[in-house]
N, C-alpha and C. Protein backbone atom coordinates (compact mmCIF):
# COMPACT_ATOMS: atom_id res chain seq x y z
N UNK A 1 15.95 13.58 -1.82
CA UNK A 1 15.66 14.33 -0.62
C UNK A 1 15.24 13.36 0.48
N UNK A 2 15.57 13.70 1.71
CA UNK A 2 15.12 12.91 2.84
C UNK A 2 14.41 13.82 3.83
N UNK A 3 13.36 13.29 4.42
CA UNK A 3 12.64 13.99 5.49
C UNK A 3 12.89 13.28 6.80
N UNK A 4 13.09 14.05 7.84
CA UNK A 4 13.13 13.54 9.20
C UNK A 4 11.78 13.87 9.82
N UNK A 5 11.14 12.88 10.42
CA UNK A 5 9.87 13.10 11.09
C UNK A 5 10.03 12.69 12.55
N UNK A 6 10.34 13.66 13.43
CA UNK A 6 10.55 13.34 14.85
C UNK A 6 9.22 13.28 15.62
N UNK A 7 9.16 12.35 16.59
CA UNK A 7 7.97 12.13 17.41
C UNK A 7 8.31 12.27 18.88
N UNK A 8 7.33 12.72 19.67
CA UNK A 8 7.53 12.83 21.12
C UNK A 8 7.13 11.51 21.80
N UNK A 9 7.18 11.52 23.16
CA UNK A 9 6.90 10.32 23.95
C UNK A 9 5.50 9.77 23.72
N UNK A 10 4.58 10.63 23.34
CA UNK A 10 3.19 10.21 23.15
C UNK A 10 2.88 9.87 21.69
N UNK A 11 3.92 9.82 20.86
CA UNK A 11 3.74 9.47 19.47
C UNK A 11 3.25 10.59 18.58
N UNK A 12 3.32 11.82 19.07
CA UNK A 12 2.88 12.97 18.27
C UNK A 12 4.05 13.48 17.43
N UNK A 13 3.74 13.82 16.19
CA UNK A 13 4.73 14.41 15.31
C UNK A 13 5.08 15.80 15.84
N UNK A 14 6.38 16.05 16.07
CA UNK A 14 6.80 17.33 16.64
C UNK A 14 7.65 18.16 15.68
N UNK A 15 7.75 17.72 14.45
CA UNK A 15 8.51 18.48 13.48
C UNK A 15 8.57 17.77 12.15
N UNK A 16 9.14 18.47 11.20
CA UNK A 16 9.37 17.90 9.87
C UNK A 16 10.55 18.64 9.30
N UNK A 17 11.61 17.92 8.97
CA UNK A 17 12.81 18.57 8.48
C UNK A 17 13.26 17.92 7.19
N UNK A 18 13.36 18.69 6.11
CA UNK A 18 13.99 18.22 4.88
C UNK A 18 15.49 18.36 5.12
N UNK A 19 16.20 17.23 5.12
CA UNK A 19 17.55 17.30 5.66
C UNK A 19 18.70 17.02 4.72
N UNK A 20 18.48 16.40 3.57
CA UNK A 20 19.65 16.06 2.77
C UNK A 20 19.26 15.71 1.35
N UNK A 21 20.23 15.67 0.50
CA UNK A 21 20.05 15.13 -0.84
C UNK A 21 21.01 13.98 -1.00
N UNK A 22 20.72 13.12 -1.93
CA UNK A 22 21.59 11.97 -2.17
C UNK A 22 21.57 11.64 -3.64
N UNK A 23 22.30 10.62 -4.02
CA UNK A 23 22.24 10.20 -5.41
C UNK A 23 20.98 9.36 -5.61
N UNK A 24 20.78 8.82 -6.77
CA UNK A 24 19.52 8.14 -7.07
C UNK A 24 19.22 6.98 -6.15
N UNK A 25 20.23 6.25 -5.69
CA UNK A 25 19.94 5.03 -4.94
C UNK A 25 20.50 5.02 -3.53
N UNK A 26 21.11 6.08 -3.08
CA UNK A 26 21.73 6.04 -1.76
C UNK A 26 21.48 7.33 -1.01
N UNK A 27 21.08 7.19 0.22
CA UNK A 27 20.89 8.36 1.07
C UNK A 27 22.24 8.71 1.69
N UNK A 28 22.54 9.98 1.70
CA UNK A 28 23.79 10.44 2.29
C UNK A 28 23.43 11.48 3.34
N UNK A 29 23.81 11.22 4.56
CA UNK A 29 23.50 12.17 5.62
C UNK A 29 24.53 12.07 6.73
N UNK A 30 24.71 13.14 7.46
CA UNK A 30 25.57 13.14 8.63
C UNK A 30 24.73 12.74 9.83
N UNK A 31 25.02 11.61 10.43
CA UNK A 31 24.24 11.09 11.54
C UNK A 31 24.16 12.03 12.72
N UNK A 32 25.27 12.65 13.06
CA UNK A 32 25.27 13.55 14.23
C UNK A 32 24.40 14.77 14.00
N UNK A 33 24.50 15.36 12.81
CA UNK A 33 23.69 16.56 12.55
C UNK A 33 22.21 16.19 12.51
N UNK A 34 21.88 15.02 11.98
CA UNK A 34 20.50 14.56 11.97
C UNK A 34 20.00 14.39 13.40
N UNK A 35 20.79 13.72 14.23
CA UNK A 35 20.38 13.52 15.63
C UNK A 35 20.25 14.84 16.37
N UNK A 36 21.13 15.78 16.10
CA UNK A 36 21.02 17.09 16.75
C UNK A 36 19.70 17.76 16.41
N UNK A 37 19.30 17.69 15.14
CA UNK A 37 18.02 18.29 14.75
C UNK A 37 16.85 17.58 15.43
N UNK A 38 16.92 16.26 15.54
CA UNK A 38 15.87 15.50 16.20
C UNK A 38 15.79 15.88 17.67
N UNK A 39 16.94 15.96 18.33
CA UNK A 39 16.97 16.32 19.75
C UNK A 39 16.49 17.74 19.99
N UNK A 40 16.73 18.65 19.04
CA UNK A 40 16.24 20.03 19.16
C UNK A 40 14.71 20.06 19.27
N UNK A 41 14.06 19.07 18.69
CA UNK A 41 12.60 18.98 18.75
C UNK A 41 12.14 18.28 20.03
N UNK A 42 13.07 17.80 20.85
CA UNK A 42 12.70 17.06 22.05
C UNK A 42 12.13 15.70 21.72
N UNK A 43 12.48 15.16 20.57
CA UNK A 43 11.91 13.90 20.10
C UNK A 43 12.56 12.70 20.75
N UNK A 44 11.79 11.63 20.83
CA UNK A 44 12.30 10.34 21.31
C UNK A 44 12.13 9.26 20.25
N UNK A 45 11.50 9.61 19.14
CA UNK A 45 11.30 8.67 18.05
C UNK A 45 11.51 9.38 16.72
N UNK A 46 11.77 8.58 15.68
CA UNK A 46 12.11 9.16 14.39
C UNK A 46 11.67 8.22 13.27
N UNK A 47 11.11 8.80 12.22
CA UNK A 47 10.85 8.10 10.97
C UNK A 47 11.58 8.88 9.88
N UNK A 48 12.31 8.16 9.04
CA UNK A 48 12.98 8.78 7.90
C UNK A 48 12.23 8.39 6.63
N UNK A 49 12.20 9.30 5.68
CA UNK A 49 11.59 9.04 4.38
C UNK A 49 12.50 9.66 3.33
N UNK A 50 12.84 8.87 2.31
CA UNK A 50 13.56 9.47 1.18
C UNK A 50 13.11 8.83 -0.12
N UNK A 51 13.36 9.55 -1.20
CA UNK A 51 12.90 9.08 -2.50
C UNK A 51 14.05 8.61 -3.36
N UNK A 52 13.71 7.72 -4.27
CA UNK A 52 14.63 7.30 -5.33
C UNK A 52 14.06 7.84 -6.64
N UNK A 53 14.68 8.85 -7.21
CA UNK A 53 14.19 9.42 -8.46
C UNK A 53 14.11 8.40 -9.60
N UNK A 54 14.84 7.30 -9.47
CA UNK A 54 14.80 6.26 -10.50
C UNK A 54 13.43 5.60 -10.59
N UNK A 55 12.63 5.73 -9.53
CA UNK A 55 11.32 5.09 -9.50
C UNK A 55 11.33 3.73 -8.83
N UNK A 56 12.51 3.19 -8.51
CA UNK A 56 12.64 1.89 -7.84
C UNK A 56 12.72 2.12 -6.34
N UNK A 57 11.72 1.67 -5.57
CA UNK A 57 11.72 1.92 -4.13
C UNK A 57 12.58 0.96 -3.31
N UNK A 58 13.23 0.00 -3.96
CA UNK A 58 14.06 -0.95 -3.20
C UNK A 58 15.25 -0.22 -2.58
N UNK A 59 15.46 -0.37 -1.27
CA UNK A 59 16.62 0.25 -0.63
C UNK A 59 17.92 -0.30 -1.22
N UNK A 60 18.84 0.60 -1.49
CA UNK A 60 20.15 0.17 -1.98
C UNK A 60 20.99 -0.34 -0.82
N UNK A 61 22.10 -1.00 -1.15
CA UNK A 61 23.02 -1.46 -0.10
C UNK A 61 23.50 -0.27 0.73
N UNK A 62 23.80 0.84 0.06
CA UNK A 62 24.24 2.05 0.77
C UNK A 62 23.15 2.57 1.69
N UNK A 63 21.89 2.51 1.25
CA UNK A 63 20.77 2.93 2.11
C UNK A 63 20.73 2.09 3.38
N UNK A 64 20.87 0.78 3.20
CA UNK A 64 20.79 -0.15 4.34
C UNK A 64 21.93 0.10 5.31
N UNK A 65 23.14 0.24 4.80
CA UNK A 65 24.31 0.47 5.67
C UNK A 65 24.16 1.78 6.42
N UNK A 66 23.79 2.87 5.71
CA UNK A 66 23.64 4.17 6.36
C UNK A 66 22.53 4.13 7.41
N UNK A 67 21.45 3.43 7.11
CA UNK A 67 20.33 3.36 8.06
C UNK A 67 20.70 2.56 9.29
N UNK A 68 21.43 1.49 9.13
CA UNK A 68 21.86 0.69 10.29
C UNK A 68 22.82 1.48 11.18
N UNK A 69 23.70 2.23 10.55
CA UNK A 69 24.62 3.07 11.34
C UNK A 69 23.84 4.13 12.10
N UNK A 70 22.89 4.74 11.42
CA UNK A 70 22.06 5.75 12.07
C UNK A 70 21.23 5.13 13.18
N UNK A 71 20.74 3.93 12.97
CA UNK A 71 19.97 3.23 14.00
C UNK A 71 20.81 3.02 15.26
N UNK A 72 22.08 2.67 15.07
CA UNK A 72 22.98 2.50 16.23
C UNK A 72 23.19 3.82 16.96
N UNK A 73 23.35 4.91 16.21
CA UNK A 73 23.49 6.23 16.83
C UNK A 73 22.22 6.62 17.57
N UNK A 74 21.07 6.35 16.97
CA UNK A 74 19.79 6.64 17.62
C UNK A 74 19.67 5.86 18.93
N UNK A 75 20.03 4.60 18.88
CA UNK A 75 19.94 3.77 20.08
C UNK A 75 20.81 4.35 21.19
N UNK A 76 22.02 4.78 20.86
CA UNK A 76 22.92 5.36 21.85
C UNK A 76 22.34 6.66 22.43
N UNK A 77 21.58 7.40 21.62
CA UNK A 77 20.97 8.67 22.06
C UNK A 77 19.57 8.46 22.64
N UNK A 78 19.15 7.20 22.77
CA UNK A 78 17.83 6.85 23.29
C UNK A 78 16.69 7.43 22.44
N UNK A 79 16.90 7.37 21.14
CA UNK A 79 15.88 7.75 20.17
C UNK A 79 15.52 6.50 19.40
N UNK A 80 14.25 6.21 19.29
CA UNK A 80 13.84 5.02 18.55
C UNK A 80 13.67 5.35 17.07
N UNK A 81 14.42 4.65 16.24
CA UNK A 81 14.23 4.78 14.80
C UNK A 81 13.10 3.83 14.43
N UNK A 82 11.90 4.39 14.26
CA UNK A 82 10.72 3.58 13.99
C UNK A 82 10.78 2.93 12.61
N UNK A 83 11.23 3.68 11.62
CA UNK A 83 11.28 3.13 10.27
C UNK A 83 12.04 4.08 9.36
N UNK A 84 12.42 3.55 8.22
CA UNK A 84 12.97 4.34 7.12
C UNK A 84 12.23 3.88 5.89
N UNK A 85 11.46 4.79 5.30
CA UNK A 85 10.66 4.49 4.12
C UNK A 85 11.39 5.00 2.89
N UNK A 86 11.47 4.15 1.86
CA UNK A 86 12.07 4.54 0.60
C UNK A 86 10.95 4.58 -0.43
N UNK A 87 10.77 5.74 -1.05
CA UNK A 87 9.70 5.95 -2.01
C UNK A 87 10.30 5.97 -3.41
N UNK A 88 9.65 5.26 -4.31
CA UNK A 88 10.05 5.27 -5.72
C UNK A 88 8.80 5.18 -6.57
N UNK A 89 8.58 6.14 -7.42
CA UNK A 89 7.36 6.16 -8.22
C UNK A 89 6.16 6.25 -7.30
N UNK A 90 5.21 5.34 -7.47
CA UNK A 90 4.01 5.35 -6.62
C UNK A 90 4.06 4.26 -5.55
N UNK A 91 5.25 3.72 -5.28
CA UNK A 91 5.42 2.66 -4.28
C UNK A 91 6.41 3.09 -3.21
N UNK A 92 6.36 2.37 -2.09
CA UNK A 92 7.30 2.62 -1.01
C UNK A 92 7.68 1.30 -0.36
N UNK A 93 8.89 1.25 0.19
CA UNK A 93 9.36 0.08 0.93
C UNK A 93 9.68 0.52 2.35
N UNK A 94 9.13 -0.20 3.31
CA UNK A 94 9.45 0.01 4.72
C UNK A 94 10.66 -0.85 5.05
N UNK A 95 11.75 -0.21 5.46
CA UNK A 95 12.94 -0.97 5.82
C UNK A 95 12.69 -1.81 7.07
N UNK A 96 11.82 -1.35 7.95
CA UNK A 96 11.46 -2.13 9.14
C UNK A 96 10.74 -3.41 8.72
N UNK A 97 9.70 -3.29 7.91
CA UNK A 97 8.94 -4.47 7.46
C UNK A 97 9.80 -5.43 6.65
N UNK A 98 10.75 -4.89 5.91
CA UNK A 98 11.63 -5.73 5.10
C UNK A 98 12.71 -6.39 5.94
N UNK A 99 12.76 -6.07 7.25
CA UNK A 99 13.76 -6.67 8.14
C UNK A 99 15.15 -6.11 7.98
N UNK A 100 15.25 -4.90 7.48
CA UNK A 100 16.57 -4.32 7.19
C UNK A 100 17.12 -3.42 8.29
N UNK A 101 16.38 -3.23 9.38
CA UNK A 101 16.88 -2.37 10.46
C UNK A 101 17.49 -3.14 11.62
N UNK A 102 17.21 -4.41 11.71
CA UNK A 102 17.56 -5.14 12.94
C UNK A 102 18.92 -5.79 12.94
N UNK A 103 19.57 -5.92 11.81
CA UNK A 103 20.87 -6.60 11.76
C UNK A 103 22.00 -5.64 12.08
N UNK A 104 23.16 -6.21 12.42
CA UNK A 104 24.33 -5.42 12.76
C UNK A 104 24.84 -4.66 11.55
N UNK A 105 25.55 -3.57 11.80
CA UNK A 105 26.15 -2.76 10.74
C UNK A 105 27.26 -3.57 10.10
N UNK A 106 27.31 -3.55 8.77
CA UNK A 106 28.37 -4.29 8.05
C UNK A 106 29.27 -3.34 7.30
């Protein structure tokens, strides 16, 4: 499952949307439908959170590719993708802190 957490200009949380399911290691989502839901909230920022039922919080290659593509869509829509957190067991990995959001889509 993945949650979308949209934020307004002042950094306030303006919604919470459970938006998709995926396989154990990869998030699968439609970027346009996700952005539409974020825009419906009037948001300018976004944090994504999804879990890995396997218990391993390391983002998969598919997670990284999907997140980078979504980041590019967010940038075009003037929405800041603040982070994508991957939760596994009792741990989480911030894709921003891991440096996985800033590179070009491959």
